[in-house]
Amino acid sequence: MVPSLQLDTRVAPGCTTLVISGECDQDDVEVLEQALTVVEGSPPVLIVDVSRLLFGDSVLLHFLLSAQRAQTAAGGRLEVRGPLAPAVERLLRETGTYEAFTVTGAGDVA
């Protein structure tokens, strides 16, 4: 059975962490669009923790790029926290967007 997408938001002074776990695909567009409205008013630092995400496709990429645009427009910054699952790292590298993000914890997958 494929684990469905799960989101958990943690708010601390100056920082919001959005933990994404399971798998992210076309079926999750609405869920991520709702999450984007939540993070658009977030503090200066938005951490998107994908360390528990097993798979992500263009829906995930669109979400990350949109969240980064919103953070930049608000004068904040976005951090993508790993370790990244191989499928997620491949998505970012093959689309040429890996370098566009601040990725922490990459390369730590056991």
PDB file of N, CA and C in Angstrom:
ATOM      1  N   MET A   1       0.842  -1.188   0.000  1.00  0.00           N
ATOM      2  CA  MET A   1       0.000   0.000   0.000  1.00  0.00           C
ATOM      3  C   MET A   1       0.884   1.247   0.000  1.00  0.00           C
ATOM      4  N   VAL A   2       0.547   2.215  -0.821  1.00  0.00           N
ATOM      5  CA  VAL A   2       1.299   3.458  -0.939  1.00  0.00           C
ATOM      6  C   VAL A   2       0.853   4.414   0.160  1.00  0.00           C
ATOM      7  N   PRO A   3       1.807   4.938   0.938  1.00  0.00           N
ATOM      8  CA  PRO A   3       1.420   5.878   1.986  1.00  0.00           C
ATOM      9  C   PRO A   3       0.906   7.180   1.381  1.00  0.00           C
ATOM     10  N   SER A   4      -0.239   7.630   1.883  1.00  0.00           N
ATOM     11  CA  SER A   4      -0.797   8.871   1.361  1.00  0.00           C
ATOM     12  C   SER A   4      -0.024  10.065   1.902  1.00  0.00           C
ATOM     13  N   LEU A   5      -0.210  11.185   1.257  1.00  0.00           N
ATOM     14  CA  LEU A   5       0.468  12.408   1.653  1.00  0.00           C
ATOM     15  C   LEU A   5      -0.057  12.878   3.007  1.00  0.00           C
ATOM     16  N   GLN A   6       0.862  13.260   3.872  1.00  0.00           N
ATOM     17  CA  GLN A   6       0.503  13.817   5.168  1.00  0.00           C
ATOM     18  C   GLN A   6       1.293  15.096   5.378  1.00  0.00           C
ATOM     19  N   LEU A   7       0.634  16.101   5.938  1.00  0.00           N
ATOM     20  CA  LEU A   7       1.274  17.372   6.228  1.00  0.00           C
ATOM     21  C   LEU A   7       1.139  17.666   7.711  1.00  0.00           C
ATOM     22  N   ASP A   8       2.191  18.239   8.265  1.00  0.00           N
ATOM     23  CA  ASP A   8       2.177  18.659   9.659  1.00  0.00           C
ATOM     24  C   ASP A   8       2.868  20.015   9.721  1.00  0.00           C
ATOM     25  N   THR A   9       2.209  20.995  10.298  1.00  0.00           N
ATOM     26  CA  THR A   9       2.774  22.337  10.389  1.00  0.00           C
ATOM     27  C   THR A   9       3.161  22.627  11.828  1.00  0.00           C
ATOM     28  N   ARG A  10       4.387  23.116  11.992  1.00  0.00           N
ATOM     29  CA  ARG A  10       4.886  23.493  13.308  1.00  0.00           C
ATOM     30  C   ARG A  10       5.320  24.952  13.249  1.00  0.00           C
ATOM     31  N   VAL A  11       4.797  25.749  14.152  1.00  0.00           N
ATOM     32  CA  VAL A  11       5.105  27.176  14.163  1.00  0.00           C
ATOM     33  C   VAL A  11       5.905  27.510  15.409  1.00  0.00           C
ATOM     34  N   ALA A  12       7.008  28.204  15.211  1.00  0.00           N
ATOM     35  CA  ALA A  12       7.852  28.698  16.292  1.00  0.00           C
ATOM     36  C   ALA A  12       8.147  30.163  15.986  1.00  0.00           C
ATOM     37  N   PRO A  13       8.599  30.923  16.961  1.00  0.00           N
ATOM     38  CA  PRO A  13       8.912  32.326  16.687  1.00  0.00           C
ATOM     39  C   PRO A  13       9.912  32.462  15.526  1.00  0.00           C
ATOM     40  N   GLY A  14       9.510  33.174  14.494  1.00  0.00           N
ATOM     41  CA  GLY A  14      10.383  33.436  13.354  1.00  0.00           C
ATOM     42  C   GLY A  14      10.511  32.317  12.349  1.00  0.00           C
ATOM     43  N   CYS A  15       9.837  31.181  12.583  1.00  0.00           N
ATOM     44  CA  CYS A  15      10.025  30.022  11.707  1.00  0.00           C
ATOM     45  C   CYS A  15       8.772  29.152  11.675  1.00  0.00           C
ATOM     46  N   THR A  16       8.401  28.744  10.479  1.00  0.00           N
ATOM     47  CA  THR A  16       7.348  27.747  10.301  1.00  0.00           C
ATOM     48  C   THR A  16       7.976  26.539   9.624  1.00  0.00           C
ATOM     49  N   THR A  17       7.688  25.354  10.144  1.00  0.00           N
ATOM     50  CA  THR A  17       8.161  24.113   9.529  1.00  0.00           C
ATOM     51  C   THR A  17       6.964  23.340   9.019  1.00  0.00           C
ATOM     52  N   LEU A  18       7.003  22.994   7.748  1.00  0.00           N
ATOM     53  CA  LEU A  18       5.974  22.167   7.139  1.00  0.00           C
ATOM     54  C   LEU A  18       6.610  20.815   6.850  1.00  0.00           C
ATOM     55  N   VAL A  19       6.142  19.793   7.544  1.00  0.00           N
ATOM     56  CA  VAL A  19       6.659  18.436   7.356  1.00  0.00           C
ATOM     57  C   VAL A  19       5.740  17.721   6.369  1.00  0.00           C
ATOM     58  N   ILE A  20       6.332  17.252   5.272  1.00  0.00           N
ATOM     59  CA  ILE A  20       5.583  16.525   4.246  1.00  0.00           C
ATOM     60  C   ILE A  20       6.059  15.082   4.276  1.00  0.00           C
ATOM     61  N   SER A  21       5.126  14.156   4.433  1.00  0.00           N
ATOM     62  CA  SER A  21       5.514  12.738   4.467  1.00  0.00           C
ATOM     63  C   SER A  21       4.587  11.916   3.582  1.00  0.00           C
ATOM     64  N   GLY A  22       5.034  10.703   3.278  1.00  0.00           N
ATOM     65  CA  GLY A  22       4.286   9.814   2.400  1.00  0.00           C
ATOM     66  C   GLY A  22       4.750   9.962   0.970  1.00  0.00           C
ATOM     67  N   GLU A  23       3.796  10.063   0.050  1.00  0.00           N
ATOM     68  CA  GLU A  23       4.088  10.251  -1.361  1.00  0.00           C
ATOM     69  C   GLU A  23       3.255  11.392  -1.905  1.00  0.00           C
ATOM     70  N   CYS A  24       3.842  12.166  -2.793  1.00  0.00           N
ATOM     71  CA  CYS A  24       3.192  13.353  -3.344  1.00  0.00           C
ATOM     72  C   CYS A  24       3.064  13.206  -4.852  1.00  0.00           C
ATOM     73  N   ASP A  25       1.819  13.225  -5.348  1.00  0.00           N
ATOM     74  CA  ASP A  25       1.601  13.143  -6.782  1.00  0.00           C
ATOM     75  C   ASP A  25       0.369  13.951  -7.170  1.00  0.00           C
ATOM     76  N   GLN A  26      -0.110  13.764  -8.378  1.00  0.00           N
ATOM     77  CA  GLN A  26      -1.231  14.543  -8.920  1.00  0.00           C
ATOM     78  C   GLN A  26      -2.462  14.536  -8.010  1.00  0.00           C
ATOM     79  N   ASP A  27      -2.675  13.467  -7.265  1.00  0.00           N
ATOM     80  CA  ASP A  27      -3.836  13.383  -6.385  1.00  0.00           C
ATOM     81  C   ASP A  27      -3.759  14.369  -5.226  1.00  0.00           C
ATOM     82  N   ASP A  28      -2.595  14.972  -5.006  1.00  0.00           N
ATOM     83  CA  ASP A  28      -2.378  15.824  -3.847  1.00  0.00           C
ATOM     84  C   ASP A  28      -2.328  17.319  -4.168  1.00  0.00           C
ATOM     85  N   VAL A  29      -2.720  17.696  -5.368  1.00  0.00           N
ATOM     86  CA  VAL A  29      -2.659  19.097  -5.787  1.00  0.00           C
ATOM     87  C   VAL A  29      -3.437  19.985  -4.816  1.00  0.00           C
ATOM     88  N   GLU A  30      -4.670  19.621  -4.509  1.00  0.00           N
ATOM     89  CA  GLU A  30      -5.508  20.457  -3.647  1.00  0.00           C
ATOM     90  C   GLU A  30      -4.931  20.579  -2.239  1.00  0.00           C
ATOM     91  N   VAL A  31      -4.402  19.490  -1.721  1.00  0.00           N
ATOM     92  CA  VAL A  31      -3.822  19.514  -0.380  1.00  0.00           C
ATOM     93  C   VAL A  31      -2.650  20.486  -0.321  1.00  0.00           C
ATOM     94  N   LEU A  32      -1.780  20.436  -1.319  1.00  0.00           N
ATOM     95  CA  LEU A  32      -0.622  21.331  -1.337  1.00  0.00           C
ATOM     96  C   LEU A  32      -1.014  22.775  -1.625  1.00  0.00           C
ATOM     97  N   GLU A  33      -2.064  22.977  -2.435  1.00  0.00           N
ATOM     98  CA  GLU A  33      -2.536  24.344  -2.660  1.00  0.00           C
ATOM     99  C   GLU A  33      -3.050  24.946  -1.361  1.00  0.00           C
ATOM    100  N   GLN A  34      -3.745  24.153  -0.551  1.00  0.00           N
ATOM    101  CA  GLN A  34      -4.215  24.627   0.751  1.00  0.00           C
ATOM    102  C   GLN A  34      -3.033  24.916   1.672  1.00  0.00           C
ATOM    103  N   ALA A  35      -2.028  24.063   1.634  1.00  0.00           N
ATOM    104  CA  ALA A  35      -0.844  24.273   2.465  1.00  0.00           C
ATOM    105  C   ALA A  35      -0.137  25.550   2.054  1.00  0.00           C
ATOM    106  N   LEU A  36      -0.133  25.860   0.773  1.00  0.00           N
ATOM    107  CA  LEU A  36       0.525  27.066   0.294  1.00  0.00           C
ATOM    108  C   LEU A  36      -0.159  28.311   0.856  1.00  0.00           C
ATOM    109  N   THR A  37      -1.473  28.294   0.978  1.00  0.00           N
ATOM    110  CA  THR A  37      -2.158  29.450   1.553  1.00  0.00           C
ATOM    111  C   THR A  37      -1.794  29.622   3.022  1.00  0.00           C
ATOM    112  N   VAL A  38      -1.527  28.542   3.707  1.00  0.00           N
ATOM    113  CA  VAL A  38      -1.122  28.606   5.111  1.00  0.00           C
ATOM    114  C   VAL A  38       0.280  29.192   5.232  1.00  0.00           C
ATOM    115  N   VAL A  39       1.205  28.743   4.384  1.00  0.00           N
ATOM    116  CA  VAL A  39       2.599  29.177   4.508  1.00  0.00           C
ATOM    117  C   VAL A  39       2.850  30.558   3.912  1.00  0.00           C
ATOM    118  N   GLU A  40       1.920  31.072   3.093  1.00  0.00           N
ATOM    119  CA  GLU A  40       2.129  32.387   2.497  1.00  0.00           C
ATOM    120  C   GLU A  40       2.214  33.487   3.544  1.00  0.00           C
ATOM    121  N   GLY A  41       1.592  33.304   4.685  1.00  0.00           N
ATOM    122  CA  GLY A  41       1.674  34.301   5.744  1.00  0.00           C
ATOM    123  C   GLY A  41       2.640  33.896   6.835  1.00  0.00           C
ATOM    124  N   SER A  42       3.582  33.039   6.488  1.00  0.00           N
ATOM    125  CA  SER A  42       4.478  32.476   7.500  1.00  0.00           C
ATOM    126  C   SER A  42       5.575  33.454   7.911  1.00  0.00           C
ATOM    127  N   PRO A  43       6.239  33.149   9.016  1.00  0.00           N
ATOM    128  CA  PRO A  43       7.365  33.963   9.476  1.00  0.00           C
ATOM    129  C   PRO A  43       8.495  34.003   8.437  1.00  0.00           C
ATOM    130  N   PRO A  44       9.545  34.767   8.711  1.00  0.00           N
ATOM    131  CA  PRO A  44      10.631  34.959   7.739  1.00  0.00           C
ATOM    132  C   PRO A  44      11.281  33.678   7.231  1.00  0.00           C
ATOM    133  N   VAL A  45      11.292  32.634   8.034  1.00  0.00           N
ATOM    134  CA  VAL A  45      11.920  31.386   7.607  1.00  0.00           C
ATOM    135  C   VAL A  45      10.840  30.307   7.482  1.00  0.00           C
ATOM    136  N   LEU A  46      10.778  29.693   6.313  1.00  0.00           N
ATOM    137  CA  LEU A  46       9.887  28.558   6.082  1.00  0.00           C
ATOM    138  C   LEU A  46      10.758  27.353   5.784  1.00  0.00           C
ATOM    139  N   ILE A  47      10.625  26.334   6.599  1.00  0.00           N
ATOM    140  CA  ILE A  47      11.342  25.077   6.383  1.00  0.00           C
ATOM    141  C   ILE A  47      10.339  24.063   5.863  1.00  0.00           C
ATOM    142  N   VAL A  48      10.625  23.501   4.706  1.00  0.00           N
ATOM    143  CA  VAL A  48       9.808  22.416   4.173  1.00  0.00           C
ATOM    144  C   VAL A  48      10.623  21.142   4.379  1.00  0.00           C
ATOM    145  N   ASP A  49      10.196  20.363   5.355  1.00  0.00           N
ATOM    146  CA  ASP A  49      10.902  19.138   5.730  1.00  0.00           C
ATOM    147  C   ASP A  49      10.357  17.991   4.887  1.00  0.00           C
ATOM    148  N   VAL A  50      11.178  17.492   3.972  1.00  0.00           N
ATOM    149  CA  VAL A  50      10.772  16.388   3.101  1.00  0.00           C
ATOM    150  C   VAL A  50      11.518  15.098   3.458  1.00  0.00           C
ATOM    151  N   SER A  51      12.080  15.052   4.650  1.00  0.00           N
ATOM    152  CA  SER A  51      12.869  13.886   5.053  1.00  0.00           C
ATOM    153  C   SER A  51      12.029  12.621   5.161  1.00  0.00           C
ATOM    154  N   ARG A  52      10.718  12.768   5.285  1.00  0.00           N
ATOM    155  CA  ARG A  52       9.824  11.610   5.384  1.00  0.00           C
ATOM    156  C   ARG A  52       9.027  11.385   4.103  1.00  0.00           C
ATOM    157  N   LEU A  53       9.389  12.134   3.055  1.00  0.00           N
ATOM    158  CA  LEU A  53       8.700  12.010   1.782  1.00  0.00           C
ATOM    159  C   LEU A  53       9.394  10.952   0.937  1.00  0.00           C
ATOM    160  N   LEU A  54       8.643   9.966   0.483  1.00  0.00           N
ATOM    161  CA  LEU A  54       9.213   8.862  -0.287  1.00  0.00           C
ATOM    162  C   LEU A  54       9.272   9.160  -1.777  1.00  0.00           C
ATOM    163  N   PHE A  55       8.311   9.967  -2.271  1.00  0.00           N
ATOM    164  CA  PHE A  55       8.216  10.250  -3.698  1.00  0.00           C
ATOM    165  C   PHE A  55       7.581  11.615  -3.895  1.00  0.00           C
ATOM    166  N   GLY A  56       8.043  12.332  -4.903  1.00  0.00           N
ATOM    167  CA  GLY A  56       7.429  13.596  -5.282  1.00  0.00           C
ATOM    168  C   GLY A  56       7.576  13.791  -6.769  1.00  0.00           C
ATOM    169  N   ASP A  57       6.538  14.336  -7.397  1.00  0.00           N
ATOM    170  CA  ASP A  57       6.610  14.603  -8.834  1.00  0.00           C
ATOM    171  C   ASP A  57       6.469  16.099  -9.078  1.00  0.00           C
ATOM    172  N   SER A  58       6.015  16.482 -10.247  1.00  0.00           N
ATOM    173  CA  SER A  58       5.921  17.896 -10.603  1.00  0.00           C
ATOM    174  C   SER A  58       5.012  18.680  -9.660  1.00  0.00           C
ATOM    175  N   VAL A  59       4.090  18.024  -9.012  1.00  0.00           N
ATOM    176  CA  VAL A  59       3.219  18.692  -8.043  1.00  0.00           C
ATOM    177  C   VAL A  59       4.052  19.206  -6.869  1.00  0.00           C
ATOM    178  N   LEU A  60       4.957  18.384  -6.390  1.00  0.00           N
ATOM    179  CA  LEU A  60       5.858  18.804  -5.310  1.00  0.00           C
ATOM    180  C   LEU A  60       6.748  19.946  -5.784  1.00  0.00           C
ATOM    181  N   LEU A  61       7.296  19.807  -6.967  1.00  0.00           N
ATOM    182  CA  LEU A  61       8.183  20.839  -7.499  1.00  0.00           C
ATOM    183  C   LEU A  61       7.439  22.169  -7.627  1.00  0.00           C
ATOM    184  N   HIS A  62       6.242  22.142  -8.139  1.00  0.00           N
ATOM    185  CA  HIS A  62       5.439  23.360  -8.265  1.00  0.00           C
ATOM    186  C   HIS A  62       5.194  23.980  -6.886  1.00  0.00           C
ATOM    187  N   PHE A  63       4.871  23.152  -5.905  1.00  0.00           N
ATOM    188  CA  PHE A  63       4.649  23.651  -4.551  1.00  0.00           C
ATOM    189  C   PHE A  63       5.906  24.327  -4.003  1.00  0.00           C
ATOM    190  N   LEU A  64       7.052  23.664  -4.138  1.00  0.00           N
ATOM    191  CA  LEU A  64       8.297  24.233  -3.611  1.00  0.00           C
ATOM    192  C   LEU A  64       8.644  25.554  -4.294  1.00  0.00           C
ATOM    193  N   LEU A  65       8.496  25.615  -5.606  1.00  0.00           N
ATOM    194  CA  LEU A  65       8.796  26.850  -6.329  1.00  0.00           C
ATOM    195  C   LEU A  65       7.831  27.968  -5.942  1.00  0.00           C
ATOM    196  N   SER A  66       6.556  27.636  -5.786  1.00  0.00           N
ATOM    197  CA  SER A  66       5.561  28.637  -5.385  1.00  0.00           C
ATOM    198  C   SER A  66       5.829  29.139  -3.979  1.00  0.00           C
ATOM    199  N   ALA A  67       6.160  28.218  -3.073  1.00  0.00           N
ATOM    200  CA  ALA A  67       6.463  28.607  -1.694  1.00  0.00           C
ATOM    201  C   ALA A  67       7.710  29.486  -1.646  1.00  0.00           C
ATOM    202  N   GLN A  68       8.700  29.145  -2.459  1.00  0.00           N
ATOM    203  CA  GLN A  68       9.921  29.950  -2.490  1.00  0.00           C
ATOM    204  C   GLN A  68       9.626  31.352  -3.030  1.00  0.00           C
ATOM    205  N   ARG A  69       8.820  31.445  -4.076  1.00  0.00           N
ATOM    206  CA  ARG A  69       8.449  32.758  -4.620  1.00  0.00           C
ATOM    207  C   ARG A  69       7.732  33.598  -3.573  1.00  0.00           C
ATOM    208  N   ALA A  70       6.801  32.975  -2.847  1.00  0.00           N
ATOM    209  CA  ALA A  70       6.054  33.696  -1.814  1.00  0.00           C
ATOM    210  C   ALA A  70       6.982  34.177  -0.703  1.00  0.00           C
ATOM    211  N   GLN A  71       7.915  33.321  -0.290  1.00  0.00           N
ATOM    212  CA  GLN A  71       8.856  33.708   0.762  1.00  0.00           C
ATOM    213  C   GLN A  71       9.760  34.843   0.303  1.00  0.00           C
ATOM    214  N   THR A  72      10.270  34.738  -0.909  1.00  0.00           N
ATOM    215  CA  THR A  72      11.146  35.778  -1.445  1.00  0.00           C
ATOM    216  C   THR A  72      10.403  37.102  -1.554  1.00  0.00           C
ATOM    217  N   ALA A  73       9.170  37.062  -2.042  1.00  0.00           N
ATOM    218  CA  ALA A  73       8.371  38.282  -2.183  1.00  0.00           C
ATOM    219  C   ALA A  73       8.106  38.941  -0.835  1.00  0.00           C
ATOM    220  N   ALA A  74       8.021  38.140   0.223  1.00  0.00           N
ATOM    221  CA  ALA A  74       7.762  38.661   1.565  1.00  0.00           C
ATOM    222  C   ALA A  74       9.057  38.996   2.310  1.00  0.00           C
ATOM    223  N   GLY A  75      10.198  38.833   1.634  1.00  0.00           N
ATOM    224  CA  GLY A  75      11.476  39.127   2.275  1.00  0.00           C
ATOM    225  C   GLY A  75      11.990  38.010   3.156  1.00  0.00           C
ATOM    226  N   GLY A  76      11.415  36.834   3.018  1.00  0.00           N
ATOM    227  CA  GLY A  76      11.839  35.679   3.816  1.00  0.00           C
ATOM    228  C   GLY A  76      12.682  34.719   3.007  1.00  0.00           C
ATOM    229  N   ARG A  77      12.869  33.547   3.576  1.00  0.00           N
ATOM    230  CA  ARG A  77      13.626  32.522   2.851  1.00  0.00           C
ATOM    231  C   ARG A  77      13.007  31.151   3.084  1.00  0.00           C
ATOM    232  N   LEU A  78      13.274  30.255   2.149  1.00  0.00           N
ATOM    233  CA  LEU A  78      12.775  28.893   2.209  1.00  0.00           C
ATOM    234  C   LEU A  78      13.956  27.943   2.315  1.00  0.00           C
ATOM    235  N   GLU A  79      13.824  26.959   3.159  1.00  0.00           N
ATOM    236  CA  GLU A  79      14.832  25.901   3.295  1.00  0.00           C
ATOM    237  C   GLU A  79      14.135  24.570   3.060  1.00  0.00           C
ATOM    238  N   VAL A  80      14.717  23.732   2.230  1.00  0.00           N
ATOM    239  CA  VAL A  80      14.226  22.371   2.019  1.00  0.00           C
ATOM    240  C   VAL A  80      15.105  21.465   2.866  1.00  0.00           C
ATOM    241  N   ARG A  81      14.489  20.775   3.813  1.00  0.00           N
ATOM    242  CA  ARG A  81      15.250  19.938   4.742  1.00  0.00           C
ATOM    243  C   ARG A  81      15.096  18.471   4.377  1.00  0.00           C
ATOM    244  N   GLY A  82      16.224  17.794   4.307  1.00  0.00           N
ATOM    245  CA  GLY A  82      16.258  16.368   4.009  1.00  0.00           C
ATOM    246  C   GLY A  82      16.640  15.586   5.233  1.00  0.00           C
ATOM    247  N   PRO A  83      17.127  14.392   5.050  1.00  0.00           N
ATOM    248  CA  PRO A  83      17.678  13.867   3.803  1.00  0.00           C
ATOM    249  C   PRO A  83      16.591  13.634   2.751  1.00  0.00           C
ATOM    250  N   LEU A  84      16.996  13.779   1.513  1.00  0.00           N
ATOM    251  CA  LEU A  84      16.086  13.626   0.395  1.00  0.00           C
ATOM    252  C   LEU A  84      16.026  12.174  -0.047  1.00  0.00           C
ATOM    253  N   ALA A  85      14.808  11.688  -0.256  1.00  0.00           N
ATOM    254  CA  ALA A  85      14.645  10.367  -0.857  1.00  0.00           C
ATOM    255  C   ALA A  85      15.237  10.423  -2.263  1.00  0.00           C
ATOM    256  N   PRO A  86      15.762   9.318  -2.770  1.00  0.00           N
ATOM    257  CA  PRO A  86      16.349   9.329  -4.111  1.00  0.00           C
ATOM    258  C   PRO A  86      15.423   9.912  -5.180  1.00  0.00           C
ATOM    259  N   ALA A  87      14.133   9.598  -5.114  1.00  0.00           N
ATOM    260  CA  ALA A  87      13.194  10.109  -6.122  1.00  0.00           C
ATOM    261  C   ALA A  87      13.043  11.623  -6.028  1.00  0.00           C
ATOM    262  N   VAL A  88      13.081  12.171  -4.822  1.00  0.00           N
ATOM    263  CA  VAL A  88      12.938  13.617  -4.634  1.00  0.00           C
ATOM    264  C   VAL A  88      14.213  14.324  -5.094  1.00  0.00           C
ATOM    265  N   GLU A  89      15.362  13.782  -4.741  1.00  0.00           N
ATOM    266  CA  GLU A  89      16.617  14.393  -5.179  1.00  0.00           C
ATOM    267  C   GLU A  89      16.732  14.343  -6.704  1.00  0.00           C
ATOM    268  N   ARG A  90      16.347  13.235  -7.296  1.00  0.00           N
ATOM    269  CA  ARG A  90      16.390  13.099  -8.754  1.00  0.00           C
ATOM    270  C   ARG A  90      15.468  14.133  -9.411  1.00  0.00           C
ATOM    271  N   LEU A  91      14.280  14.341  -8.847  1.00  0.00           N
ATOM    272  CA  LEU A  91      13.348  15.343  -9.374  1.00  0.00           C
ATOM    273  C   LEU A  91      13.996  16.717  -9.404  1.00  0.00           C
ATOM    274  N   LEU A  92      14.615  17.107  -8.302  1.00  0.00           N
ATOM    275  CA  LEU A  92      15.230  18.433  -8.228  1.00  0.00           C
ATOM    276  C   LEU A  92      16.434  18.550  -9.157  1.00  0.00           C
ATOM    277  N   ARG A  93      17.245  17.511  -9.211  1.00  0.00           N
ATOM    278  CA  ARG A  93      18.452  17.575 -10.047  1.00  0.00           C
ATOM    279  C   ARG A  93      18.110  17.531 -11.538  1.00  0.00           C
ATOM    280  N   GLU A  94      17.196  16.642 -11.933  1.00  0.00           N
ATOM    281  CA  GLU A  94      16.873  16.493 -13.350  1.00  0.00           C
ATOM    282  C   GLU A  94      16.118  17.687 -13.910  1.00  0.00           C
ATOM    283  N   THR A  95      15.450  18.435 -13.037  1.00  0.00           N
ATOM    284  CA  THR A  95      14.745  19.633 -13.506  1.00  0.00           C
ATOM    285  C   THR A  95      15.620  20.873 -13.392  1.00  0.00           C
ATOM    286  N   GLY A  96      16.834  20.709 -12.876  1.00  0.00           N
ATOM    287  CA  GLY A  96      17.752  21.832 -12.740  1.00  0.00           C
ATOM    288  C   GLY A  96      17.382  22.797 -11.631  1.00  0.00           C
ATOM    289  N   THR A  97      16.565  22.361 -10.699  1.00  0.00           N
ATOM    290  CA  THR A  97      16.119  23.251  -9.629  1.00  0.00           C
ATOM    291  C   THR A  97      16.803  22.991  -8.291  1.00  0.00           C
ATOM    292  N   TYR A  98      17.605  21.957  -8.203  1.00  0.00           N
ATOM    293  CA  TYR A  98      18.270  21.634  -6.928  1.00  0.00           C
ATOM    294  C   TYR A  98      19.039  22.840  -6.400  1.00  0.00           C
ATOM    295  N   GLU A  99      19.793  23.484  -7.267  1.00  0.00           N
ATOM    296  CA  GLU A  99      20.618  24.623  -6.866  1.00  0.00           C
ATOM    297  C   GLU A  99      19.790  25.861  -6.544  1.00  0.00           C
ATOM    298  N   ALA A 100      18.529  25.877  -6.955  1.00  0.00           N
ATOM    299  CA  ALA A 100      17.669  27.030  -6.692  1.00  0.00           C
ATOM    300  C   ALA A 100      17.183  27.065  -5.240  1.00  0.00           C
ATOM    301  N   PHE A 101      17.315  25.933  -4.555  1.00  0.00           N
ATOM    302  CA  PHE A 101      16.847  25.831  -3.174  1.00  0.00           C
ATOM    303  C   PHE A 101      18.023  25.733  -2.210  1.00  0.00           C
ATOM    304  N   THR A 102      17.784  26.176  -0.987  1.00  0.00           N
ATOM    305  CA  THR A 102      18.720  25.897   0.097  1.00  0.00           C
ATOM    306  C   THR A 102      18.328  24.542   0.636  1.00  0.00           C
ATOM    307  N   VAL A 103      19.121  23.520   0.349  1.00  0.00           N
ATOM    308  CA  VAL A 103      18.810  22.150   0.765  1.00  0.00           C
ATOM    309  C   VAL A 103      19.759  21.774   1.900  1.00  0.00           C
ATOM    310  N   THR A 104      19.179  21.394   3.030  1.00  0.00           N
ATOM    311  CA  THR A 104      19.989  20.961   4.167  1.00  0.00           C
ATOM    312  C   THR A 104      19.707  19.496   4.462  1.00  0.00           C
ATOM    313  N   GLY A 105      20.710  18.810   4.951  1.00  0.00           N
ATOM    314  CA  GLY A 105      20.544  17.396   5.284  1.00  0.00           C
ATOM    315  C   GLY A 105      20.578  16.482   4.078  1.00  0.00           C
ATOM    316  N   ALA A 106      20.974  16.986   2.913  1.00  0.00           N
ATOM    317  CA  ALA A 106      21.018  16.162   1.703  1.00  0.00           C
ATOM    318  C   ALA A 106      22.163  15.165   1.812  1.00  0.00           C
ATOM    319  N   GLY A 107      21.985  14.024   1.192  1.00  0.00           N
ATOM    320  CA  GLY A 107      23.042  13.017   1.166  1.00  0.00           C
ATOM    321  C   GLY A 107      23.152  12.206   2.434  1.00  0.00           C
ATOM    322  N   ASP A 108      22.153  12.321   3.312  1.00  0.00           N
ATOM    323  CA  ASP A 108      22.202  11.602   4.587  1.00  0.00           C
ATOM    324  C   ASP A 108      21.382  10.319   4.593  1.00  0.00           C
ATOM    325  N   VAL A 109      20.787   9.965   3.446  1.00  0.00           N
ATOM    326  CA  VAL A 109      19.955   8.767   3.400  1.00  0.00           C
ATOM    327  C   VAL A 109      20.817   7.552   3.609  1.00  0.00           C
ATOM    328  N   ALA A 110      20.408   6.686   4.519  1.00  0.00           N
ATOM    329  CA  ALA A 110      21.203   5.483   4.834  1.00  0.00           C
ATOM    330  C   ALA A 110      20.906   4.376   3.848  1.00  0.00           C
TER     331      ALA A 110
END
